[in-house]
Amino acid sequence: MSKQYLTTHTVDNAHITDIFALASTPKALLSAGGSSAIHVHDTTDPAFPLKQSISNAHKLGCHHLCTSRNGRYAASAGFGGEVKIWALNPDTGEWSNTGEITGASVQAGEVWALALSEDGGYLASTTNDGRINVWDVVDEGKPKIREYETGSSGSGSFGMCVDLSRDGKFTASGHQNGAIYIFDNDTGRILYSLSGLAKPVRAVAFSPGNTRLAAAGDAGIIALYDMKHGEHIGNLTGHSSWITTIDWSDTGEYLLSGSMDGKVKVWSVERSDCVATHSETDKALWAVRWLPKTGRSEMFCTAGANRSLTFYREATGG
């Protein structure tokens, strides 16, 4: 059974350059790209108005942006190598910078992909030589508390993506050489080295119940893995180009994917089938995100090389 989504709103020229990253909270959508600003749109209003523009957040632009599940914290990584931590003021609804991850180890290329823990207390990041670092971002000094190695003597493959499981037990990373690793955060060791994607992996994402991992990239497929045994349990196929971004729905029933082919797809994980395909552009989509469901139809947002934010709402019968 297919699903139909309607374009409910488009913010044209939301940024002056490509939009590389989206992150959602219960009430807002954060976006960032090649320009210096991070924008915050109010998702409780059907017009999705711009609520805050954080100018000069990253002088050379921002390539990754993430939020904690509780919606109180965010982190952003800039092309200059800087990583900034943000906190939401619950009274004003505005974001403010609470510090940066600094030190001799943080430089251009040292930090690429980002993922925050559920409560915003920990940040995982990938590096250009395959390491995955975990930082305590609540501590004022923002110390590095763990470092995972995927190669010997810094010879690992570029870490293109990272995710933390919602229960905080696992970290997953995807690499330029097609490797996918899952680490046990309690023991600090590699739990699984996964096969199935021989090309660069641009997105990894744990399911809400922490039972599955989805991974996608230049192979043009979404590979699904069982977390209990680390087994490759299936592929979702249909995109005609690199998959740049994936996101699980809150129930874990559906996966959202965006591609260089300009298409966004919705997948039924149980049926291993694409249930909706939409395209507003023939330009690359760099980011797609579900919006938290708050008693309304399912909604998601897409962004990429056309510099626009496009919001979709599930069409309901009647």
C-alpha atoms as a PDB file:
ATOM      1  CA  MET A   1       0.000   0.000   0.000  1.00  0.00           C
ATOM      2  CA  SER A   2       1.440   3.349  -1.000  1.00  0.00           C
ATOM      3  CA  LYS A   3       1.288   6.532   1.004  1.00  0.00           C
ATOM      4  CA  GLN A   4       0.759  10.007  -0.383  1.00  0.00           C
ATOM      5  CA  TYR A   5       2.432  13.150   0.925  1.00  0.00           C
ATOM      6  CA  LEU A   6       1.549  16.689  -0.074  1.00  0.00           C
ATOM      7  CA  THR A   7       3.908  19.642  -0.242  1.00  0.00           C
ATOM      8  CA  THR A   8       2.479  21.781   2.509  1.00  0.00           C
ATOM      9  CA  HIS A   9       4.997  24.622   2.489  1.00  0.00           C
ATOM     10  CA  THR A  10       8.262  25.642   0.827  1.00  0.00           C
ATOM     11  CA  VAL A  11      10.734  28.205   2.124  1.00  0.00           C
ATOM     12  CA  ASP A  12      12.549  29.325  -1.023  1.00  0.00           C
ATOM     13  CA  ASN A  13      16.125  30.560  -0.652  1.00  0.00           C
ATOM     14  CA  ALA A  14      16.128  29.564   3.004  1.00  0.00           C
ATOM     15  CA  HIS A  15      19.924  29.867   2.841  1.00  0.00           C
ATOM     16  CA  ILE A  16      22.143  31.607   0.298  1.00  0.00           C
ATOM     17  CA  THR A  17      24.048  28.382  -0.447  1.00  0.00           C
ATOM     18  CA  ASP A  18      23.423  24.622  -0.391  1.00  0.00           C
ATOM     19  CA  ILE A  19      21.724  23.408   2.783  1.00  0.00           C
ATOM     20  CA  PHE A  20      23.799  20.521   4.120  1.00  0.00           C
ATOM     21  CA  ALA A  21      22.139  19.739   7.447  1.00  0.00           C
ATOM     22  CA  LEU A  22      18.748  19.587   9.153  1.00  0.00           C
ATOM     23  CA  ALA A  23      17.945  18.766  12.777  1.00  0.00           C
ATOM     24  CA  SER A  24      14.544  18.731  14.443  1.00  0.00           C
ATOM     25  CA  THR A  25      13.194  19.311  17.939  1.00  0.00           C
ATOM     26  CA  PRO A  26       9.602  18.959  19.187  1.00  0.00           C
ATOM     27  CA  LYS A  27       8.898  22.561  18.167  1.00  0.00           C
ATOM     28  CA  ALA A  28      11.521  23.637  15.652  1.00  0.00           C
ATOM     29  CA  LEU A  29      13.649  22.744  12.665  1.00  0.00           C
ATOM     30  CA  LEU A  30      17.286  23.843  12.534  1.00  0.00           C
ATOM     31  CA  SER A  31      19.069  24.179   9.191  1.00  0.00           C
ATOM     32  CA  ALA A  32      22.624  25.008   8.140  1.00  0.00           C
ATOM     33  CA  GLY A  33      24.822  24.961   5.063  1.00  0.00           C
ATOM     34  CA  GLY A  34      27.605  26.683   3.216  1.00  0.00           C
ATOM     35  CA  SER A  35      26.665  30.088   4.628  1.00  0.00           C
ATOM     36  CA  SER A  36      27.658  31.233   8.111  1.00  0.00           C
ATOM     37  CA  ALA A  37      24.154  31.206   9.616  1.00  0.00           C
ATOM     38  CA  ILE A  38      22.069  28.570  11.378  1.00  0.00           C
ATOM     39  CA  HIS A  39      18.328  29.125  10.924  1.00  0.00           C
ATOM     40  CA  VAL A  40      15.557  28.020  13.264  1.00  0.00           C
ATOM     41  CA  HIS A  41      12.022  27.596  11.894  1.00  0.00           C
ATOM     42  CA  ASP A  42       8.949  27.209  14.112  1.00  0.00           C
ATOM     43  CA  THR A  43       7.277  23.888  13.212  1.00  0.00           C
ATOM     44  CA  THR A  44       4.241  24.497  15.447  1.00  0.00           C
ATOM     45  CA  ASP A  45       3.029  27.170  12.998  1.00  0.00           C
ATOM     46  CA  PRO A  46       1.683  25.949   9.598  1.00  0.00           C
ATOM     47  CA  ALA A  47       3.657  28.741   7.893  1.00  0.00           C
ATOM     48  CA  PHE A  48       6.936  27.513   9.455  1.00  0.00           C
ATOM     49  CA  PRO A  49       8.163  31.063  10.140  1.00  0.00           C
ATOM     50  CA  LEU A  50      11.833  31.842  10.741  1.00  0.00           C
ATOM     51  CA  LYS A  51      12.069  32.152  14.514  1.00  0.00           C
ATOM     52  CA  GLN A  52      15.791  32.765  14.910  1.00  0.00           C
ATOM     53  CA  SER A  53      18.770  33.335  12.664  1.00  0.00           C
ATOM     54  CA  ILE A  54      22.111  32.692  14.344  1.00  0.00           C
ATOM     55  CA  SER A  55      24.411  34.784  12.178  1.00  0.00           C
ATOM     56  CA  ASN A  56      28.130  34.002  12.027  1.00  0.00           C
ATOM     57  CA  ALA A  57      27.598  30.641  13.709  1.00  0.00           C
ATOM     58  CA  HIS A  58      30.361  29.260  11.463  1.00  0.00           C
ATOM     59  CA  LYS A  59      32.401  31.668   9.352  1.00  0.00           C
ATOM     60  CA  LEU A  60      33.180  29.132   6.627  1.00  0.00           C
ATOM     61  CA  GLY A  61      29.805  27.410   6.774  1.00  0.00           C
ATOM     62  CA  CYS A  62      28.444  24.364   8.604  1.00  0.00           C
ATOM     63  CA  HIS A  63      28.473  20.780   7.295  1.00  0.00           C
ATOM     64  CA  HIS A  64      26.829  18.869  10.166  1.00  0.00           C
ATOM     65  CA  LEU A  65      24.147  19.748  12.685  1.00  0.00           C
ATOM     66  CA  CYS A  66      22.417  17.568  15.273  1.00  0.00           C
ATOM     67  CA  THR A  67      20.034  17.887  18.218  1.00  0.00           C
ATOM     68  CA  SER A  68      19.396  15.810  21.317  1.00  0.00           C
ATOM     69  CA  ARG A  69      16.153  13.848  21.466  1.00  0.00           C
ATOM     70  CA  ASN A  70      14.905  15.968  24.350  1.00  0.00           C
ATOM     71  CA  GLY A  71      15.175  19.044  22.123  1.00  0.00           C
ATOM     72  CA  ARG A  72      17.282  21.019  24.576  1.00  0.00           C
ATOM     73  CA  TYR A  73      20.733  20.819  23.014  1.00  0.00           C
ATOM     74  CA  ALA A  74      22.317  21.061  19.578  1.00  0.00           C
ATOM     75  CA  ALA A  75      25.801  20.731  18.122  1.00  0.00           C
ATOM     76  CA  SER A  76      27.231  22.030  14.859  1.00  0.00           C
ATOM     77  CA  ALA A  77      30.488  21.437  12.991  1.00  0.00           C
ATOM     78  CA  GLY A  78      31.998  24.048  10.694  1.00  0.00           C
ATOM     79  CA  PHE A  79      34.284  23.779   7.694  1.00  0.00           C
ATOM     80  CA  GLY A  80      36.948  25.581   9.738  1.00  0.00           C
ATOM     81  CA  GLY A  81      37.130  22.602  12.122  1.00  0.00           C
ATOM     82  CA  GLU A  82      35.247  24.215  15.000  1.00  0.00           C
ATOM     83  CA  VAL A  83      32.487  22.383  16.902  1.00  0.00           C
ATOM     84  CA  LYS A  84      29.920  24.459  18.780  1.00  0.00           C
ATOM     85  CA  ILE A  85      27.447  23.393  21.426  1.00  0.00           C
ATOM     86  CA  TRP A  86      24.057  25.134  21.699  1.00  0.00           C
ATOM     87  CA  ALA A  87      21.388  25.178  24.411  1.00  0.00           C
ATOM     88  CA  LEU A  88      17.724  26.096  24.137  1.00  0.00           C
ATOM     89  CA  ASN A  89      16.275  28.683  26.500  1.00  0.00           C
ATOM     90  CA  PRO A  90      12.864  27.159  27.324  1.00  0.00           C
ATOM     91  CA  ASP A  91      11.411  30.559  28.227  1.00  0.00           C
ATOM     92  CA  THR A  92      12.325  32.420  25.047  1.00  0.00           C
ATOM     93  CA  GLY A  93      12.661  29.467  22.664  1.00  0.00           C
ATOM     94  CA  GLU A  94      16.012  30.885  21.477  1.00  0.00           C
ATOM     95  CA  TRP A  95      19.302  29.056  21.111  1.00  0.00           C
ATOM     96  CA  SER A  96      22.577  30.294  22.552  1.00  0.00           C
ATOM     97  CA  ASN A  97      26.151  29.065  22.283  1.00  0.00           C
ATOM     98  CA  THR A  98      27.396  27.333  25.437  1.00  0.00           C
ATOM     99  CA  GLY A  99      30.932  26.701  24.286  1.00  0.00           C
ATOM    100  CA  GLU A 100      33.145  24.917  21.799  1.00  0.00           C
ATOM    101  CA  ILE A 101      35.078  21.690  21.725  1.00  0.00           C
ATOM    102  CA  THR A 102      38.638  22.930  21.511  1.00  0.00           C
ATOM    103  CA  GLY A 103      42.147  21.693  22.023  1.00  0.00           C
ATOM    104  CA  ALA A 104      45.142  20.664  19.971  1.00  0.00           C
ATOM    105  CA  SER A 105      43.264  17.695  18.530  1.00  0.00           C
ATOM    106  CA  VAL A 106      40.463  19.757  16.989  1.00  0.00           C
ATOM    107  CA  GLN A 107      41.400  21.174  13.616  1.00  0.00           C
ATOM    108  CA  ALA A 108      40.089  21.179  10.061  1.00  0.00           C
ATOM    109  CA  GLY A 109      39.261  17.588   9.102  1.00  0.00           C
ATOM    110  CA  GLU A 110      39.522  16.341  12.671  1.00  0.00           C
ATOM    111  CA  VAL A 111      35.772  16.507  13.244  1.00  0.00           C
ATOM    112  CA  TRP A 112      33.272  15.642  10.528  1.00  0.00           C
ATOM    113  CA  ALA A 113      29.971  13.933  11.346  1.00  0.00           C
ATOM    114  CA  LEU A 114      28.195  14.496  14.680  1.00  0.00           C
ATOM    115  CA  ALA A 115      25.620  12.779  16.895  1.00  0.00           C
ATOM    116  CA  LEU A 116      24.273  13.820  20.303  1.00  0.00           C
ATOM    117  CA  SER A 117      23.031  11.457  22.981  1.00  0.00           C
ATOM    118  CA  GLU A 118      19.354  11.417  23.996  1.00  0.00           C
ATOM    119  CA  ASP A 119      19.893  13.855  26.873  1.00  0.00           C
ATOM    120  CA  GLY A 120      22.505  15.972  25.102  1.00  0.00           C
ATOM    121  CA  GLY A 121      25.244  15.037  27.557  1.00  0.00           C
ATOM    122  CA  TYR A 122      27.555  13.307  25.088  1.00  0.00           C
ATOM    123  CA  LEU A 123      28.674  14.070  21.552  1.00  0.00           C
ATOM    124  CA  ALA A 124      30.150  11.528  19.139  1.00  0.00           C
ATOM    125  CA  SER A 125      32.187  12.700  16.156  1.00  0.00           C
ATOM    126  CA  THR A 126      34.127  11.128  13.300  1.00  0.00           C
ATOM    127  CA  THR A 127      37.563  12.060  11.986  1.00  0.00           C
ATOM    128  CA  ASN A 128      39.384  12.011   8.662  1.00  0.00           C
ATOM    129  CA  ASP A 129      41.561   9.074   9.766  1.00  0.00           C
ATOM    130  CA  GLY A 130      38.771   6.791  10.918  1.00  0.00           C
ATOM    131  CA  ARG A 131      38.670   7.490  14.648  1.00  0.00           C
ATOM    132  CA  ILE A 132      35.430   8.160  16.528  1.00  0.00           C
ATOM    133  CA  ASN A 133      35.659  10.474  19.524  1.00  0.00           C
ATOM    134  CA  VAL A 134      33.123  10.870  22.321  1.00  0.00           C
ATOM    135  CA  TRP A 135      33.033  14.114  24.286  1.00  0.00           C
ATOM    136  CA  ASP A 136      31.377  15.038  27.583  1.00  0.00           C
ATOM    137  CA  VAL A 137      29.715  18.300  26.538  1.00  0.00           C
ATOM    138  CA  VAL A 138      28.094  19.029  29.911  1.00  0.00           C
ATOM    139  CA  ASP A 139      31.471  19.362  31.643  1.00  0.00           C
ATOM    140  CA  GLU A 140      32.696  22.939  31.268  1.00  0.00           C
ATOM    141  CA  GLY A 141      35.984  21.752  29.796  1.00  0.00           C
ATOM    142  CA  LYS A 142      34.152  19.482  27.309  1.00  0.00           C
ATOM    143  CA  PRO A 143      36.740  16.699  27.688  1.00  0.00           C
ATOM    144  CA  LYS A 144      37.180  13.784  25.315  1.00  0.00           C
ATOM    145  CA  ILE A 145      36.152  10.687  27.283  1.00  0.00           C
ATOM    146  CA  ARG A 146      36.554   7.972  24.673  1.00  0.00           C
ATOM    147  CA  GLU A 147      38.350   7.366  21.398  1.00  0.00           C
ATOM    148  CA  TYR A 148      37.526   4.448  19.128  1.00  0.00           C
ATOM    149  CA  GLU A 149      40.096   3.271  16.587  1.00  0.00           C
ATOM    150  CA  THR A 150      39.048   1.638  13.301  1.00  0.00           C
ATOM    151  CA  GLY A 151      42.527   1.309  11.812  1.00  0.00           C
ATOM    152  CA  SER A 152      46.072   0.874  13.072  1.00  0.00           C
ATOM    153  CA  SER A 153      48.153   3.961  13.835  1.00  0.00           C
ATOM    154  CA  GLY A 154      45.588   6.409  12.487  1.00  0.00           C
ATOM    155  CA  SER A 155      45.261   4.578   9.171  1.00  0.00           C
ATOM    156  CA  GLY A 156      41.501   4.152   9.299  1.00  0.00           C
ATOM    157  CA  SER A 157      39.166   5.304   6.550  1.00  0.00           C
ATOM    158  CA  PHE A 158      37.486   8.738   6.653  1.00  0.00           C
ATOM    159  CA  GLY A 159      34.468   8.658   8.976  1.00  0.00           C
ATOM    160  CA  MET A 160      31.569  10.029   6.925  1.00  0.00           C
ATOM    161  CA  CYS A 161      28.709   9.466   9.401  1.00  0.00           C
ATOM    162  CA  VAL A 162      27.955   8.534  13.000  1.00  0.00           C
ATOM    163  CA  ASP A 163      24.978   7.773  15.225  1.00  0.00           C
ATOM    164  CA  LEU A 164      24.308   6.994  18.878  1.00  0.00           C
ATOM    165  CA  SER A 165      21.620   4.495  19.853  1.00  0.00           C
ATOM    166  CA  ARG A 166      18.783   5.963  21.895  1.00  0.00           C
ATOM    167  CA  ASP A 167      19.605   3.774  24.898  1.00  0.00           C
ATOM    168  CA  GLY A 168      23.171   5.119  24.836  1.00  0.00           C
ATOM    169  CA  LYS A 169      24.708   1.657  24.567  1.00  0.00           C
ATOM    170  CA  PHE A 170      26.051   1.776  21.028  1.00  0.00           C
ATOM    171  CA  THR A 171      27.888   4.045  18.593  1.00  0.00           C
ATOM    172  CA  ALA A 172      27.806   3.338  14.851  1.00  0.00           C
ATOM    173  CA  SER A 173      30.056   4.811  12.176  1.00  0.00           C
ATOM    174  CA  GLY A 174      30.183   4.602   8.384  1.00  0.00           C
ATOM    175  CA  HIS A 175      33.363   5.114   6.393  1.00  0.00           C
ATOM    176  CA  GLN A 176      34.621   6.106   2.963  1.00  0.00           C
ATOM    177  CA  ASN A 177      35.910   2.599   2.241  1.00  0.00           C
ATOM    178  CA  GLY A 178      32.438   1.105   2.811  1.00  0.00           C
ATOM    179  CA  ALA A 179      33.161  -0.135   6.323  1.00  0.00           C
ATOM    180  CA  ILE A 180      30.508   0.075   9.051  1.00  0.00           C
ATOM    181  CA  TYR A 181      31.402  -0.361  12.707  1.00  0.00           C
ATOM    182  CA  ILE A 182      29.302  -0.673  15.836  1.00  0.00           C
ATOM    183  CA  PHE A 183      30.987   0.016  19.165  1.00  0.00           C
ATOM    184  CA  ASP A 184      29.887  -1.019  22.648  1.00  0.00           C
ATOM    185  CA  ASN A 185      29.974   2.168  24.712  1.00  0.00           C
ATOM    186  CA  ASP A 186      30.243   0.235  27.993  1.00  0.00           C
ATOM    187  CA  THR A 187      33.325  -1.778  27.062  1.00  0.00           C
ATOM    188  CA  GLY A 188      34.832   0.711  24.588  1.00  0.00           C
ATOM    189  CA  ARG A 189      35.360  -2.073  22.051  1.00  0.00           C
ATOM    190  CA  ILE A 190      34.175  -2.804  18.509  1.00  0.00           C
ATOM    191  CA  LEU A 191      31.063  -4.988  18.758  1.00  0.00           C
ATOM    192  CA  TYR A 192      30.503  -5.576  15.032  1.00  0.00           C
ATOM    193  CA  SER A 193      32.288  -4.871  11.775  1.00  0.00           C
ATOM    194  CA  LEU A 194      29.498  -5.019   9.215  1.00  0.00           C
ATOM    195  CA  SER A 195      29.605  -6.005   5.569  1.00  0.00           C
ATOM    196  CA  GLY A 196      27.190  -5.246   2.751  1.00  0.00           C
ATOM    197  CA  LEU A 197      28.178  -1.853   1.363  1.00  0.00           C
ATOM    198  CA  ALA A 198      31.383  -1.822  -0.673  1.00  0.00           C
ATOM    199  CA  LYS A 199      31.182   1.906  -1.426  1.00  0.00           C
ATOM    200  CA  PRO A 200      31.348   5.036   0.769  1.00  0.00           C
ATOM    201  CA  VAL A 201      28.766   5.064   3.571  1.00  0.00           C
ATOM    202  CA  ARG A 202      27.190   8.504   3.998  1.00  0.00           C
ATOM    203  CA  ALA A 203      24.506   7.770   6.600  1.00  0.00           C
ATOM    204  CA  VAL A 204      23.990   5.394   9.525  1.00  0.00           C
ATOM    205  CA  ALA A 205      20.966   5.428  11.837  1.00  0.00           C
ATOM    206  CA  PHE A 206      19.788   3.263  14.732  1.00  0.00           C
ATOM    207  CA  SER A 207      16.095   2.368  14.868  1.00  0.00           C
ATOM    208  CA  PRO A 208      14.114   3.896  17.769  1.00  0.00           C
ATOM    209  CA  GLY A 209      14.012   0.534  19.548  1.00  0.00           C
ATOM    210  CA  ASN A 210      17.766   0.034  19.083  1.00  0.00           C
ATOM    211  CA  THR A 211      17.114  -3.320  17.362  1.00  0.00           C
ATOM    212  CA  ARG A 212      18.289  -2.374  13.863  1.00  0.00           C
ATOM    213  CA  LEU A 213      20.844  -0.237  12.109  1.00  0.00           C
ATOM    214  CA  ALA A 214      20.248   1.284   8.680  1.00  0.00           C
ATOM    215  CA  ALA A 215      23.204   2.332   6.518  1.00  0.00           C
ATOM    216  CA  ALA A 216      23.325   3.940   3.075  1.00  0.00           C
ATOM    217  CA  GLY A 217      25.637   5.711   0.682  1.00  0.00           C
ATOM    218  CA  ASP A 218      27.163   5.586  -2.767  1.00  0.00           C
ATOM    219  CA  ALA A 219      25.961   2.036  -3.448  1.00  0.00           C
ATOM    220  CA  GLY A 220      22.468   3.529  -3.803  1.00  0.00           C
ATOM    221  CA  ILE A 221      20.887   1.043  -1.395  1.00  0.00           C
ATOM    222  CA  ILE A 222      19.855   1.117   2.258  1.00  0.00           C
ATOM    223  CA  ALA A 223      21.286  -1.887   4.094  1.00  0.00           C
ATOM    224  CA  LEU A 224      19.537  -3.121   7.247  1.00  0.00           C
ATOM    225  CA  TYR A 225      21.339  -4.920  10.065  1.00  0.00           C
ATOM    226  CA  ASP A 226      20.087  -6.797  13.100  1.00  0.00           C
ATOM    227  CA  MET A 227      21.674  -5.464  16.282  1.00  0.00           C
ATOM    228  CA  LYS A 228      21.365  -8.726  18.202  1.00  0.00           C
ATOM    229  CA  HIS A 229      23.808 -10.644  15.995  1.00  0.00           C
ATOM    230  CA  GLY A 230      25.180  -7.985  13.638  1.00  0.00           C
ATOM    231  CA  GLU A 231      23.629  -9.745  10.642  1.00  0.00           C
ATOM    232  CA  HIS A 232      22.831  -8.117   7.306  1.00  0.00           C
ATOM    233  CA  ILE A 233      19.070  -8.777   7.063  1.00  0.00           C
ATOM    234  CA  GLY A 234      18.055  -6.952   3.898  1.00  0.00           C
ATOM    235  CA  ASN A 235      18.381  -4.090   1.418  1.00  0.00           C
ATOM    236  CA  LEU A 236      16.014  -1.331   0.329  1.00  0.00           C
ATOM    237  CA  THR A 237      16.590  -0.469  -3.331  1.00  0.00           C
ATOM    238  CA  GLY A 238      15.152   2.175  -5.646  1.00  0.00           C
ATOM    239  CA  HIS A 239      17.306   5.288  -5.670  1.00  0.00           C
ATOM    240  CA  SER A 240      19.200   5.941  -8.895  1.00  0.00           C
ATOM    241  CA  SER A 241      22.145   7.722  -7.274  1.00  0.00           C
ATOM    242  CA  TRP A 242      24.071   8.101  -4.018  1.00  0.00           C
ATOM    243  CA  ILE A 243      21.969   8.182  -0.858  1.00  0.00           C
ATOM    244  CA  THR A 244      23.125  11.093   1.257  1.00  0.00           C
ATOM    245  CA  THR A 245      20.776  10.988   4.245  1.00  0.00           C
ATOM    246  CA  ILE A 246      18.370   8.678   6.119  1.00  0.00           C
ATOM    247  CA  ASP A 247      16.053   9.096   9.113  1.00  0.00           C
ATOM    248  CA  TRP A 248      13.801   6.678  11.060  1.00  0.00           C
ATOM    249  CA  SER A 249      10.233   7.621  11.943  1.00  0.00           C
ATOM    250  CA  ASP A 250       9.476   7.760  15.680  1.00  0.00           C
ATOM    251  CA  THR A 251       7.621   4.434  15.548  1.00  0.00           C
ATOM    252  CA  GLY A 252      10.387   2.691  13.626  1.00  0.00           C
ATOM    253  CA  GLU A 253       7.878   1.661  10.929  1.00  0.00           C
ATOM    254  CA  TYR A 254       9.287   3.888   8.206  1.00  0.00           C
ATOM    255  CA  LEU A 255      12.606   5.113   6.901  1.00  0.00           C
ATOM    256  CA  LEU A 256      13.094   8.381   5.056  1.00  0.00           C
ATOM    257  CA  SER A 257      15.905   8.736   2.525  1.00  0.00           C
ATOM    258  CA  GLY A 258      17.273  11.514   0.340  1.00  0.00           C
ATOM    259  CA  SER A 259      19.555  11.179  -2.645  1.00  0.00           C
ATOM    260  CA  MET A 260      21.726  12.955  -5.173  1.00  0.00           C
ATOM    261  CA  ASP A 261      18.948  12.134  -7.658  1.00  0.00           C
ATOM    262  CA  GLY A 262      16.790  14.823  -5.988  1.00  0.00           C
ATOM    263  CA  LYS A 263      14.228  12.319  -4.733  1.00  0.00           C
ATOM    264  CA  VAL A 264      13.016  11.665  -1.206  1.00  0.00           C
ATOM    265  CA  LYS A 265      11.598   8.214  -0.490  1.00  0.00           C
ATOM    266  CA  VAL A 266       9.536   6.747   2.337  1.00  0.00           C
ATOM    267  CA  TRP A 267      10.126   3.050   3.033  1.00  0.00           C
ATOM    268  CA  SER A 268       8.067   0.505   4.934  1.00  0.00           C
ATOM    269  CA  VAL A 269      10.724  -1.374   6.886  1.00  0.00           C
ATOM    270  CA  GLU A 270       8.439  -4.332   7.629  1.00  0.00           C
ATOM    271  CA  ARG A 271       7.526  -4.811   3.957  1.00  0.00           C
ATOM    272  CA  SER A 272      10.972  -3.805   2.621  1.00  0.00           C
ATOM    273  CA  ASP A 273       9.170  -1.634   0.123  1.00  0.00           C
ATOM    274  CA  CYS A 274       9.129   1.996  -0.999  1.00  0.00           C
ATOM    275  CA  VAL A 275       5.665   3.416  -0.205  1.00  0.00           C
ATOM    276  CA  ALA A 276       6.201   6.998  -1.463  1.00  0.00           C
ATOM    277  CA  THR A 277       8.568   8.913  -3.745  1.00  0.00           C
ATOM    278  CA  HIS A 278       8.575  12.687  -4.150  1.00  0.00           C
ATOM    279  CA  SER A 279      10.781  15.140  -5.994  1.00  0.00           C
ATOM    280  CA  GLU A 280      10.700  18.926  -5.852  1.00  0.00           C
ATOM    281  CA  THR A 281      14.035  19.278  -7.567  1.00  0.00           C
ATOM    282  CA  ASP A 282      16.539  17.515  -9.794  1.00  0.00           C
ATOM    283  CA  LYS A 283      19.324  18.818  -7.572  1.00  0.00           C
ATOM    284  CA  ALA A 284      20.935  16.872  -4.754  1.00  0.00           C
ATOM    285  CA  LEU A 285      19.124  16.442  -1.452  1.00  0.00           C
ATOM    286  CA  TRP A 286      21.648  16.694   1.369  1.00  0.00           C
ATOM    287  CA  ALA A 287      19.280  16.301   4.318  1.00  0.00           C
ATOM    288  CA  VAL A 288      15.817  14.882   5.069  1.00  0.00           C
ATOM    289  CA  ARG A 289      14.173  14.752   8.500  1.00  0.00           C
ATOM    290  CA  TRP A 290      10.934  13.591  10.019  1.00  0.00           C
ATOM    291  CA  LEU A 291       9.267  16.209  12.203  1.00  0.00           C
ATOM    292  CA  PRO A 292       8.163  14.937  15.633  1.00  0.00           C
ATOM    293  CA  LYS A 293       4.568  13.788  15.514  1.00  0.00           C
ATOM    294  CA  THR A 294       2.352  15.824  17.810  1.00  0.00           C
ATOM    295  CA  GLY A 295      -1.162  14.590  17.104  1.00  0.00           C
ATOM    296  CA  ARG A 296      -1.096  15.566  13.439  1.00  0.00           C
ATOM    297  CA  SER A 297      -0.342  13.857  10.165  1.00  0.00           C
ATOM    298  CA  GLU A 298       3.173  12.594   9.539  1.00  0.00           C
ATOM    299  CA  MET A 299       5.441  15.367   8.307  1.00  0.00           C
ATOM    300  CA  PHE A 300       8.977  15.605   7.012  1.00  0.00           C
ATOM    301  CA  CYS A 301      11.299  18.223   5.547  1.00  0.00           C
ATOM    302  CA  THR A 302      13.862  18.073   2.747  1.00  0.00           C
ATOM    303  CA  ALA A 303      16.780  20.373   1.888  1.00  0.00           C
ATOM    304  CA  GLY A 304      19.765  20.451  -0.392  1.00  0.00           C
ATOM    305  CA  ALA A 305      21.353  22.101  -3.415  1.00  0.00           C
ATOM    306  CA  ASN A 306      18.227  24.059  -4.378  1.00  0.00           C
ATOM    307  CA  ARG A 307      18.651  26.078  -1.133  1.00  0.00           C
ATOM    308  CA  SER A 308      15.013  25.592  -0.140  1.00  0.00           C
ATOM    309  CA  LEU A 309      13.240  23.900   2.735  1.00  0.00           C
ATOM    310  CA  THR A 310      10.293  21.799   1.545  1.00  0.00           C
ATOM    311  CA  PHE A 311       7.776  20.514   4.086  1.00  0.00           C
ATOM    312  CA  TYR A 312       5.589  17.487   3.324  1.00  0.00           C
ATOM    313  CA  ARG A 313       2.472  16.286   5.135  1.00  0.00           C
ATOM    314  CA  GLU A 314       0.847  12.891   4.801  1.00  0.00           C
ATOM    315  CA  ALA A 315      -2.413  13.092   2.849  1.00  0.00           C
ATOM    316  CA  THR A 316      -5.210  11.609   4.927  1.00  0.00           C
ATOM    317  CA  GLY A 317      -8.409  10.144   3.552  1.00  0.00           C
ATOM    318  CA  GLY A 318     -11.776  11.810   3.693  1.00  0.00           C
END
